[in-house]
């Protein structure tokens, strides 16, 4: 797990940069409309955020949740997906 954190943080930084650039035109991850790229990546990002919020994740350095405040474009993208009609019906009930 510790060995994977730098790679995860690197990929999140790359995703943040892509989303920041795409947000300038109001686009989604790959196109001007939501696409398979957004739909496939979203559950992976949410799984990572969920894991980072677990109490056991606090034992890792650097802390997995440290990136949360550093990715405003990613946070905005997550909010856009969550704001879509029907999102609540797709949220896993066991994650509530």
PDB file of N, CA and C in Angstrom:
ATOM      1  N   UNK A   1       0.821  -1.188   0.000  1.00  0.00           N
ATOM      2  CA  UNK A   1       0.000   0.000   0.000  1.00  0.00           C
ATOM      3  C   UNK A   1       0.868   1.255   0.000  1.00  0.00           C
ATOM      4  N   UNK A   2       1.876   1.286   0.856  1.00  0.00           N
ATOM      5  CA  UNK A   2       2.731   2.469   0.928  1.00  0.00           C
ATOM      6  C   UNK A   2       3.445   2.716  -0.398  1.00  0.00           C
ATOM      7  N   UNK A   3       3.863   1.649  -1.024  1.00  0.00           N
ATOM      8  CA  UNK A   3       4.583   1.777  -2.292  1.00  0.00           C
ATOM      9  C   UNK A   3       3.679   2.317  -3.404  1.00  0.00           C
ATOM     10  N   UNK A   4       2.396   2.060  -3.301  1.00  0.00           N
ATOM     11  CA  UNK A   4       1.461   2.503  -4.340  1.00  0.00           C
ATOM     12  C   UNK A   4       1.064   3.971  -4.205  1.00  0.00           C
ATOM     13  N   UNK A   5       1.195   4.554  -3.023  1.00  0.00           N
ATOM     14  CA  UNK A   5       0.736   5.930  -2.810  1.00  0.00           C
ATOM     15  C   UNK A   5       1.365   6.956  -3.749  1.00  0.00           C
ATOM     16  N   UNK A   6       2.682   6.922  -3.976  1.00  0.00           N
ATOM     17  CA  UNK A   6       3.236   7.912  -4.917  1.00  0.00           C
ATOM     18  C   UNK A   6       2.649   7.791  -6.324  1.00  0.00           C
ATOM     19  N   UNK A   7       2.426   6.577  -6.789  1.00  0.00           N
ATOM     20  CA  UNK A   7       1.848   6.393  -8.119  1.00  0.00           C
ATOM     21  C   UNK A   7       0.404   6.895  -8.156  1.00  0.00           C
ATOM     22  N   UNK A   8      -0.345   6.635  -7.095  1.00  0.00           N
ATOM     23  CA  UNK A   8      -1.724   7.113  -7.020  1.00  0.00           C
ATOM     24  C   UNK A   8      -1.755   8.633  -7.016  1.00  0.00           C
ATOM     25  N   UNK A   9      -0.904   9.240  -6.199  1.00  0.00           N
ATOM     26  CA  UNK A   9      -0.874  10.700  -6.140  1.00  0.00           C
ATOM     27  C   UNK A   9      -0.430  11.303  -7.466  1.00  0.00           C
ATOM     28  N   UNK A  10       0.480  10.643  -8.157  1.00  0.00           N
ATOM     29  CA  UNK A  10       0.910  11.124  -9.468  1.00  0.00           C
ATOM     30  C   UNK A  10      -0.243  11.081 -10.471  1.00  0.00           C
ATOM     31  N   UNK A  11      -0.989   9.991 -10.462  1.00  0.00           N
ATOM     32  CA  UNK A  11      -2.123   9.865 -11.379  1.00  0.00           C
ATOM     33  C   UNK A  11      -3.220  10.866 -11.044  1.00  0.00           C
ATOM     34  N   UNK A  12      -3.440  11.102  -9.757  1.00  0.00           N
ATOM     35  CA  UNK A  12      -4.434  12.102  -9.367  1.00  0.00           C
ATOM     36  C   UNK A  12      -4.008  13.502  -9.799  1.00  0.00           C
ATOM     37  N   UNK A  13      -2.726  13.788  -9.706  1.00  0.00           N
ATOM     38  CA  UNK A  13      -2.226  15.086 -10.162  1.00  0.00           C
ATOM     39  C   UNK A  13      -2.416  15.228 -11.665  1.00  0.00           C
ATOM     40  N   UNK A  14      -2.187  14.164 -12.391  1.00  0.00           N
ATOM     41  CA  UNK A  14      -2.384  14.191 -13.845  1.00  0.00           C
ATOM     42  C   UNK A  14      -3.861  14.362 -14.187  1.00  0.00           C
ATOM     43  N   UNK A  15      -4.729  13.668 -13.456  1.00  0.00           N
ATOM     44  CA  UNK A  15      -6.169  13.808 -13.661  1.00  0.00           C
ATOM     45  C   UNK A  15      -6.612  15.229 -13.337  1.00  0.00           C
ATOM     46  N   UNK A  16      -6.095  15.793 -12.254  1.00  0.00           N
ATOM     47  CA  UNK A  16      -6.416  17.169 -11.877  1.00  0.00           C
ATOM     48  C   UNK A  16      -6.024  18.137 -12.992  1.00  0.00           C
ATOM     49  N   UNK A  17      -4.835  17.968 -13.544  1.00  0.00           N
ATOM     50  CA  UNK A  17      -4.373  18.856 -14.616  1.00  0.00           C
ATOM     51  C   UNK A  17      -5.260  18.734 -15.851  1.00  0.00           C
ATOM     52  N   UNK A  18      -5.642  17.519 -16.194  1.00  0.00           N
ATOM     53  CA  UNK A  18      -6.511  17.305 -17.355  1.00  0.00           C
ATOM     54  C   UNK A  18      -7.868  17.955 -17.133  1.00  0.00           C
ATOM     55  N   UNK A  19      -8.447  17.723 -15.955  1.00  0.00           N
ATOM     56  CA  UNK A  19      -9.764  18.289 -15.668  1.00  0.00           C
ATOM     57  C   UNK A  19      -9.711  19.805 -15.585  1.00  0.00           C
ATOM     58  N   UNK A  20      -8.631  20.350 -15.068  1.00  0.00           N
ATOM     59  CA  UNK A  20      -8.481  21.808 -15.000  1.00  0.00           C
ATOM     60  C   UNK A  20      -8.476  22.395 -16.413  1.00  0.00           C
ATOM     61  N   UNK A  21      -7.752  21.778 -17.300  1.00  0.00           N
ATOM     62  CA  UNK A  21      -7.674  22.244 -18.687  1.00  0.00           C
ATOM     63  C   UNK A  21      -9.027  22.092 -19.393  1.00  0.00           C
ATOM     64  N   UNK A  22      -9.671  20.960 -19.190  1.00  0.00           N
ATOM     65  CA  UNK A  22     -10.959  20.701 -19.842  1.00  0.00           C
ATOM     66  C   UNK A  22     -12.047  21.637 -19.306  1.00  0.00           C
ATOM     67  N   UNK A  23     -11.946  22.014 -18.027  1.00  0.00           N
ATOM     68  CA  UNK A  23     -12.965  22.874 -17.414  1.00  0.00           C
ATOM     69  C   UNK A  23     -13.000  24.257 -18.055  1.00  0.00           C
ATOM     70  N   UNK A  24     -11.906  24.679 -18.650  1.00  0.00           N
ATOM     71  CA  UNK A  24     -11.865  25.993 -19.301  1.00  0.00           C
ATOM     72  C   UNK A  24     -12.890  26.100 -20.412  1.00  0.00           C
ATOM     73  N   UNK A  25     -13.216  24.976 -21.024  1.00  0.00           N
ATOM     74  CA  UNK A  25     -14.181  24.969 -22.124  1.00  0.00           C
ATOM     75  C   UNK A  25     -15.512  24.349 -21.709  1.00  0.00           C
ATOM     76  N   UNK A  26     -15.655  24.009 -20.430  1.00  0.00           N
ATOM     77  CA  UNK A  26     -16.888  23.395 -19.951  1.00  0.00           C
ATOM     78  C   UNK A  26     -17.003  21.934 -20.328  1.00  0.00           C
ATOM     79  N   UNK A  27     -15.897  21.351 -20.777  1.00  0.00           N
ATOM     80  CA  UNK A  27     -15.919  19.972 -21.241  1.00  0.00           C
ATOM     81  C   UNK A  27     -15.789  18.986 -20.085  1.00  0.00           C
ATOM     82  N   UNK A  28     -16.136  17.783 -20.374  1.00  0.00           N
ATOM     83  CA  UNK A  28     -15.952  16.677 -19.445  1.00  0.00           C
ATOM     84  C   UNK A  28     -14.546  16.123 -19.635  1.00  0.00           C
ATOM     85  N   UNK A  29     -14.306  14.937 -19.172  1.00  0.00           N
ATOM     86  CA  UNK A  29     -12.954  14.382 -19.191  1.00  0.00           C
ATOM     87  C   UNK A  29     -12.392  14.224 -20.606  1.00  0.00           C
ATOM     88  N   UNK A  30     -13.182  13.721 -21.524  1.00  0.00           N
ATOM     89  CA  UNK A  30     -12.646  13.434 -22.855  1.00  0.00           C
ATOM     90  C   UNK A  30     -13.336  14.200 -23.981  1.00  0.00           C
ATOM     91  N   UNK A  31     -14.579  14.591 -23.762  1.00  0.00           N
ATOM     92  CA  UNK A  31     -15.337  15.261 -24.818  1.00  0.00           C
ATOM     93  C   UNK A  31     -16.143  16.414 -24.207  1.00  0.00           C
ATOM     94  N   UNK A  32     -16.921  17.091 -25.047  1.00  0.00           N
ATOM     95  CA  UNK A  32     -17.740  18.191 -24.554  1.00  0.00           C
ATOM     96  C   UNK A  32     -18.959  17.694 -23.783  1.00  0.00           C
ATOM     97  N   UNK A  33     -19.281  16.430 -23.904  1.00  0.00           N
ATOM     98  CA  UNK A  33     -20.388  15.814 -23.166  1.00  0.00           C
ATOM     99  C   UNK A  33     -19.831  14.680 -22.309  1.00  0.00           C
ATOM    100  N   UNK A  34     -20.585  14.280 -21.306  1.00  0.00           N
ATOM    101  CA  UNK A  34     -20.144  13.154 -20.496  1.00  0.00           C
ATOM    102  C   UNK A  34     -19.942  11.945 -21.412  1.00  0.00           C
ATOM    103  N   UNK A  35     -18.898  11.180 -21.141  1.00  0.00           N
ATOM    104  CA  UNK A  35     -18.574  10.046 -22.003  1.00  0.00           C
ATOM    105  C   UNK A  35     -18.220   8.830 -21.149  1.00  0.00           C
ATOM    106  N   UNK A  36     -17.895   7.749 -21.827  1.00  0.00           N
ATOM    107  CA  UNK A  36     -17.494   6.530 -21.132  1.00  0.00           C
ATOM    108  C   UNK A  36     -16.288   6.776 -20.233  1.00  0.00           C
ATOM    109  N   UNK A  37     -15.416   7.697 -20.611  1.00  0.00           N
ATOM    110  CA  UNK A  37     -14.243   8.003 -19.784  1.00  0.00           C
ATOM    111  C   UNK A  37     -14.677   8.485 -18.400  1.00  0.00           C
ATOM    112  N   UNK A  38     -15.661   9.364 -18.353  1.00  0.00           N
ATOM    113  CA  UNK A  38     -16.167   9.867 -17.076  1.00  0.00           C
ATOM    114  C   UNK A  38     -16.864   8.756 -16.289  1.00  0.00           C
ATOM    115  N   UNK A  39     -17.671   7.989 -16.977  1.00  0.00           N
ATOM    116  CA  UNK A  39     -18.468   6.944 -16.321  1.00  0.00           C
ATOM    117  C   UNK A  39     -17.584   5.835 -15.767  1.00  0.00           C
ATOM    118  N   UNK A  40     -16.515   5.510 -16.454  1.00  0.00           N
ATOM    119  CA  UNK A  40     -15.609   4.459 -15.989  1.00  0.00           C
ATOM    120  C   UNK A  40     -14.714   4.971 -14.863  1.00  0.00           C
ATOM    121  N   UNK A  41     -14.230   6.181 -14.987  1.00  0.00           N
ATOM    122  CA  UNK A  41     -13.292   6.701 -14.003  1.00  0.00           C
ATOM    123  C   UNK A  41     -13.958   7.096 -12.686  1.00  0.00           C
ATOM    124  N   UNK A  42     -15.192   7.555 -12.740  1.00  0.00           N
ATOM    125  CA  UNK A  42     -15.855   8.043 -11.541  1.00  0.00           C
ATOM    126  C   UNK A  42     -15.895   7.016 -10.404  1.00  0.00           C
ATOM    127  N   UNK A  43     -16.345   5.788 -10.633  1.00  0.00           N
ATOM    128  CA  UNK A  43     -16.368   4.826  -9.520  1.00  0.00           C
ATOM    129  C   UNK A  43     -14.976   4.536  -8.953  1.00  0.00           C
ATOM    130  N   UNK A  44     -13.958   4.575  -9.791  1.00  0.00           N
ATOM    131  CA  UNK A  44     -12.600   4.353  -9.301  1.00  0.00           C
ATOM    132  C   UNK A  44     -12.166   5.486  -8.377  1.00  0.00           C
ATOM    133  N   UNK A  45     -12.454   6.714  -8.777  1.00  0.00           N
ATOM    134  CA  UNK A  45     -12.113   7.871  -7.943  1.00  0.00           C
ATOM    135  C   UNK A  45     -12.887   7.808  -6.628  1.00  0.00           C
ATOM    136  N   UNK A  46     -14.163   7.472  -6.693  1.00  0.00           N
ATOM    137  CA  UNK A  46     -14.968   7.405  -5.478  1.00  0.00           C
ATOM    138  C   UNK A  46     -14.487   6.281  -4.553  1.00  0.00           C
ATOM    139  N   UNK A  47     -14.068   5.176  -5.106  1.00  0.00           N
ATOM    140  CA  UNK A  47     -13.519   4.090  -4.281  1.00  0.00           C
ATOM    141  C   UNK A  47     -12.254   4.551  -3.574  1.00  0.00           C
ATOM    142  N   UNK A  48     -11.422   5.273  -4.282  1.00  0.00           N
ATOM    143  CA  UNK A  48     -10.192   5.793  -3.692  1.00  0.00           C
ATOM    144  C   UNK A  48     -10.508   6.801  -2.582  1.00  0.00           C
ATOM    145  N   UNK A  49     -11.439   7.694  -2.841  1.00  0.00           N
ATOM    146  CA  UNK A  49     -11.822   8.673  -1.817  1.00  0.00           C
ATOM    147  C   UNK A  49     -12.420   7.988  -0.598  1.00  0.00           C
ATOM    148  N   UNK A  50     -13.206   6.962  -0.833  1.00  0.00           N
ATOM    149  CA  UNK A  50     -13.805   6.222   0.285  1.00  0.00           C
ATOM    150  C   UNK A  50     -12.717   5.550   1.109  1.00  0.00           C
ATOM    151  N   UNK A  51     -11.764   4.918   0.452  1.00  0.00           N
ATOM    152  CA  UNK A  51     -10.672   4.245   1.161  1.00  0.00           C
ATOM    153  C   UNK A  51      -9.813   5.252   1.923  1.00  0.00           C
ATOM    154  N   UNK A  52      -9.577   6.409   1.322  1.00  0.00           N
ATOM    155  CA  UNK A  52      -8.754   7.430   1.966  1.00  0.00           C
ATOM    156  C   UNK A  52      -9.414   7.978   3.225  1.00  0.00           C
ATOM    157  N   UNK A  53     -10.711   7.887   3.302  1.00  0.00           N
ATOM    158  CA  UNK A  53     -11.429   8.385   4.460  1.00  0.00           C
ATOM    159  C   UNK A  53     -11.535   7.399   5.613  1.00  0.00           C
ATOM    160  N   UNK A  54     -11.083   6.181   5.415  1.00  0.00           N
ATOM    161  CA  UNK A  54     -11.149   5.172   6.478  1.00  0.00           C
ATOM    162  C   UNK A  54     -10.143   5.501   7.574  1.00  0.00           C
ATOM    163  N   UNK A  55     -10.473   5.219   8.825  1.00  0.00           N
ATOM    164  CA  UNK A  55      -9.540   5.491   9.919  1.00  0.00           C
ATOM    165  C   UNK A  55      -8.174   4.814   9.737  1.00  0.00           C
ATOM    166  N   UNK A  56      -8.152   3.629   9.173  1.00  0.00           N
ATOM    167  CA  UNK A  56      -6.875   2.925   8.998  1.00  0.00           C
ATOM    168  C   UNK A  56      -5.967   3.611   7.984  1.00  0.00           C
ATOM    169  N   UNK A  57      -6.518   4.446   7.115  1.00  0.00           N
ATOM    170  CA  UNK A  57      -5.700   5.148   6.129  1.00  0.00           C
ATOM    171  C   UNK A  57      -4.848   6.234   6.774  1.00  0.00           C
ATOM    172  N   UNK A  58      -5.214   6.664   7.966  1.00  0.00           N
ATOM    173  CA  UNK A  58      -4.467   7.716   8.658  1.00  0.00           C
ATOM    174  C   UNK A  58      -3.061   7.270   9.036  1.00  0.00           C
ATOM    175  N   UNK A  59      -2.813   5.965   9.043  1.00  0.00           N
ATOM    176  CA  UNK A  59      -1.497   5.444   9.424  1.00  0.00           C
ATOM    177  C   UNK A  59      -0.463   5.592   8.308  1.00  0.00           C
ATOM    178  N   UNK A  60      -0.902   5.926   7.112  1.00  0.00           N
ATOM    179  CA  UNK A  60       0.010   6.018   5.981  1.00  0.00           C
ATOM    180  C   UNK A  60       0.589   7.420   5.844  1.00  0.00           C
ATOM    181  N   UNK A  61       1.842   7.481   5.440  1.00  0.00           N
ATOM    182  CA  UNK A  61       2.507   8.744   5.131  1.00  0.00           C
ATOM    183  C   UNK A  61       3.064   8.632   3.717  1.00  0.00           C
ATOM    184  N   UNK A  62       2.813   9.554   2.821  1.00  0.00           N
ATOM    185  CA  UNK A  62       1.931  10.690   3.051  1.00  0.00           C
ATOM    186  C   UNK A  62       0.491  10.224   3.184  1.00  0.00           C
ATOM    187  N   UNK A  63      -0.287  10.970   3.918  1.00  0.00           N
ATOM    188  CA  UNK A  63      -1.680  10.589   4.149  1.00  0.00           C
ATOM    189  C   UNK A  63      -2.435  10.539   2.821  1.00  0.00           C
ATOM    190  N   UNK A  64      -3.194   9.457   2.593  1.00  0.00           N
ATOM    191  CA  UNK A  64      -3.938   9.338   1.328  1.00  0.00           C
ATOM    192  C   UNK A  64      -4.945  10.449   1.116  1.00  0.00           C
ATOM    193  N   UNK A  65      -5.463  11.030   2.195  1.00  0.00           N
ATOM    194  CA  UNK A  65      -6.456  12.081   2.025  1.00  0.00           C
ATOM    195  C   UNK A  65      -5.832  13.465   1.885  1.00  0.00           C
ATOM    196  N   UNK A  66      -4.507  13.536   1.878  1.00  0.00           N
ATOM    197  CA  UNK A  66      -3.825  14.821   1.779  1.00  0.00           C
ATOM    198  C   UNK A  66      -4.112  15.512   0.453  1.00  0.00           C
ATOM    199  N   UNK A  67      -4.377  14.754  -0.583  1.00  0.00           N
ATOM    200  CA  UNK A  67      -4.613  15.342  -1.904  1.00  0.00           C
ATOM    201  C   UNK A  67      -5.989  15.979  -2.028  1.00  0.00           C
ATOM    202  N   UNK A  68      -6.899  15.713  -1.114  1.00  0.00           N
ATOM    203  CA  UNK A  68      -8.276  16.167  -1.269  1.00  0.00           C
ATOM    204  C   UNK A  68      -8.400  17.674  -1.413  1.00  0.00           C
ATOM    205  N   UNK A  69      -7.627  18.422  -0.664  1.00  0.00           N
ATOM    206  CA  UNK A  69      -7.698  19.869  -0.765  1.00  0.00           C
ATOM    207  C   UNK A  69      -6.905  20.434  -1.919  1.00  0.00           C
ATOM    208  N   UNK A  70      -6.174  19.585  -2.598  1.00  0.00           N
ATOM    209  CA  UNK A  70      -5.283  20.042  -3.664  1.00  0.00           C
ATOM    210  C   UNK A  70      -5.822  19.766  -5.060  1.00  0.00           C
ATOM    211  N   UNK A  71      -7.048  19.315  -5.150  1.00  0.00           N
ATOM    212  CA  UNK A  71      -7.594  18.937  -6.450  1.00  0.00           C
ATOM    213  C   UNK A  71      -8.972  19.572  -6.689  1.00  0.00           C
ATOM    214  N   UNK A  72      -9.014  20.892  -6.800  1.00  0.00           N
ATOM    215  CA  UNK A  72     -10.315  21.546  -6.978  1.00  0.00           C
ATOM    216  C   UNK A  72     -11.024  21.166  -8.282  1.00  0.00           C
ATOM    217  N   UNK A  73     -10.285  20.924  -9.342  1.00  0.00           N
ATOM    218  CA  UNK A  73     -10.931  20.535 -10.605  1.00  0.00           C
ATOM    219  C   UNK A  73     -11.531  19.134 -10.483  1.00  0.00           C
ATOM    220  N   UNK A  74     -10.837  18.244  -9.787  1.00  0.00           N
ATOM    221  CA  UNK A  74     -11.367  16.900  -9.555  1.00  0.00           C
ATOM    222  C   UNK A  74     -12.613  16.980  -8.679  1.00  0.00           C
ATOM    223  N   UNK A  75     -12.573  17.811  -7.644  1.00  0.00           N
ATOM    224  CA  UNK A  75     -13.736  17.986  -6.773  1.00  0.00           C
ATOM    225  C   UNK A  75     -14.927  18.547  -7.554  1.00  0.00           C
ATOM    226  N   UNK A  76     -14.678  19.483  -8.445  1.00  0.00           N
ATOM    227  CA  UNK A  76     -15.752  20.053  -9.265  1.00  0.00           C
ATOM    228  C   UNK A  76     -16.322  19.010 -10.210  1.00  0.00           C
ATOM    229  N   UNK A  77     -15.456  18.169 -10.769  1.00  0.00           N
ATOM    230  CA  UNK A  77     -15.897  17.096 -11.665  1.00  0.00           C
ATOM    231  C   UNK A  77     -16.775  16.109 -10.900  1.00  0.00           C
ATOM    232  N   UNK A  78     -16.339  15.716  -9.708  1.00  0.00           N
ATOM    233  CA  UNK A  78     -17.136  14.811  -8.880  1.00  0.00           C
ATOM    234  C   UNK A  78     -18.509  15.437  -8.615  1.00  0.00           C
ATOM    235  N   UNK A  79     -18.539  16.719  -8.278  1.00  0.00           N
ATOM    236  CA  UNK A  79     -19.806  17.398  -8.021  1.00  0.00           C
ATOM    237  C   UNK A  79     -20.690  17.416  -9.258  1.00  0.00           C
ATOM    238  N   UNK A  80     -20.091  17.589 -10.442  1.00  0.00           N
ATOM    239  CA  UNK A  80     -20.879  17.575 -11.685  1.00  0.00           C
ATOM    240  C   UNK A  80     -21.532  16.224 -11.896  1.00  0.00           C
ATOM    241  N   UNK A  81     -20.765  15.163 -11.662  1.00  0.00           N
ATOM    242  CA  UNK A  81     -21.326  13.813 -11.825  1.00  0.00           C
ATOM    243  C   UNK A  81     -22.422  13.589 -10.790  1.00  0.00           C
ATOM    244  N   UNK A  82     -22.152  13.951  -9.545  1.00  0.00           N
ATOM    245  CA  UNK A  82     -23.136  13.747  -8.483  1.00  0.00           C
ATOM    246  C   UNK A  82     -24.402  14.564  -8.704  1.00  0.00           C
ATOM    247  N   UNK A  83     -24.299  15.657  -9.427  1.00  0.00           N
ATOM    248  CA  UNK A  83     -25.449  16.504  -9.701  1.00  0.00           C
ATOM    249  C   UNK A  83     -26.297  16.044 -10.874  1.00  0.00           C
ATOM    250  N   UNK A  84     -25.881  14.998 -11.540  1.00  0.00           N
ATOM    251  CA  UNK A  84     -26.640  14.512 -12.690  1.00  0.00           C
ATOM    252  C   UNK A  84     -27.944  13.854 -12.237  1.00  0.00           C
ATOM    253  N   UNK A  85     -29.004  14.024 -13.044  1.00  0.00           N
ATOM    254  CA  UNK A  85     -30.271  13.368 -12.708  1.00  0.00           C
ATOM    255  C   UNK A  85     -30.066  11.857 -12.590  1.00  0.00           C
ATOM    256  N   UNK A  86     -30.615  11.288 -11.550  1.00  0.00           N
ATOM    257  CA  UNK A  86     -30.532   9.840 -11.365  1.00  0.00           C
ATOM    258  C   UNK A  86     -29.300   9.366 -10.609  1.00  0.00           C
ATOM    259  N   UNK A  87     -28.382  10.277 -10.297  1.00  0.00           N
ATOM    260  CA  UNK A  87     -27.161   9.852  -9.604  1.00  0.00           C
ATOM    261  C   UNK A  87     -27.470   9.121  -8.304  1.00  0.00           C
ATOM    262  N   UNK A  88     -28.369   9.679  -7.508  1.00  0.00           N
ATOM    263  CA  UNK A  88     -28.684   9.087  -6.198  1.00  0.00           C
ATOM    264  C   UNK A  88     -29.138   7.632  -6.317  1.00  0.00           C
ATOM    265  N   UNK A  89     -29.816   7.295  -7.393  1.00  0.00           N
ATOM    266  CA  UNK A  89     -30.292   5.912  -7.574  1.00  0.00           C
ATOM    267  C   UNK A  89     -29.143   4.950  -7.853  1.00  0.00           C
ATOM    268  N   UNK A  90     -28.000   5.467  -8.281  1.00  0.00           N
ATOM    269  CA  UNK A  90     -26.877   4.591  -8.624  1.00  0.00           C
ATOM    270  C   UNK A  90     -25.858   4.469  -7.501  1.00  0.00           C
ATOM    271  N   UNK A  91     -26.004   5.271  -6.441  1.00  0.00           N
ATOM    272  CA  UNK A  91     -25.035   5.271  -5.351  1.00  0.00           C
ATOM    273  C   UNK A  91     -25.180   3.978  -4.545  1.00  0.00           C
ATOM    274  N   UNK A  92     -24.075   3.277  -4.310  1.00  0.00           N
ATOM    275  CA  UNK A  92     -24.175   2.010  -3.569  1.00  0.00           C
ATOM    276  C   UNK A  92     -24.754   2.230  -2.167  1.00  0.00           C
ATOM    277  N   UNK A  93     -25.832   1.560  -1.836  1.00  0.00           N
ATOM    278  CA  UNK A  93     -26.472   1.781  -0.528  1.00  0.00           C
ATOM    279  C   UNK A  93     -25.544   1.440   0.652  1.00  0.00           C
ATOM    280  N   UNK A  94     -24.659   0.494   0.467  1.00  0.00           N
ATOM    281  CA  UNK A  94     -23.766   0.105   1.570  1.00  0.00           C
ATOM    282  C   UNK A  94     -22.643   1.125   1.793  1.00  0.00           C
ATOM    283  N   UNK A  95     -22.550   2.160   0.954  1.00  0.00           N
ATOM    284  CA  UNK A  95     -21.554   3.221   1.152  1.00  0.00           C
ATOM    285  C   UNK A  95     -22.133   4.387   1.939  1.00  0.00           C
ATOM    286  N   UNK A  96     -23.399   4.370   2.196  1.00  0.00           N
ATOM    287  CA  UNK A  96     -24.044   5.491   2.899  1.00  0.00           C
ATOM    288  C   UNK A  96     -23.723   5.479   4.367  1.00  0.00           C
TER     289      UNK A  96
END
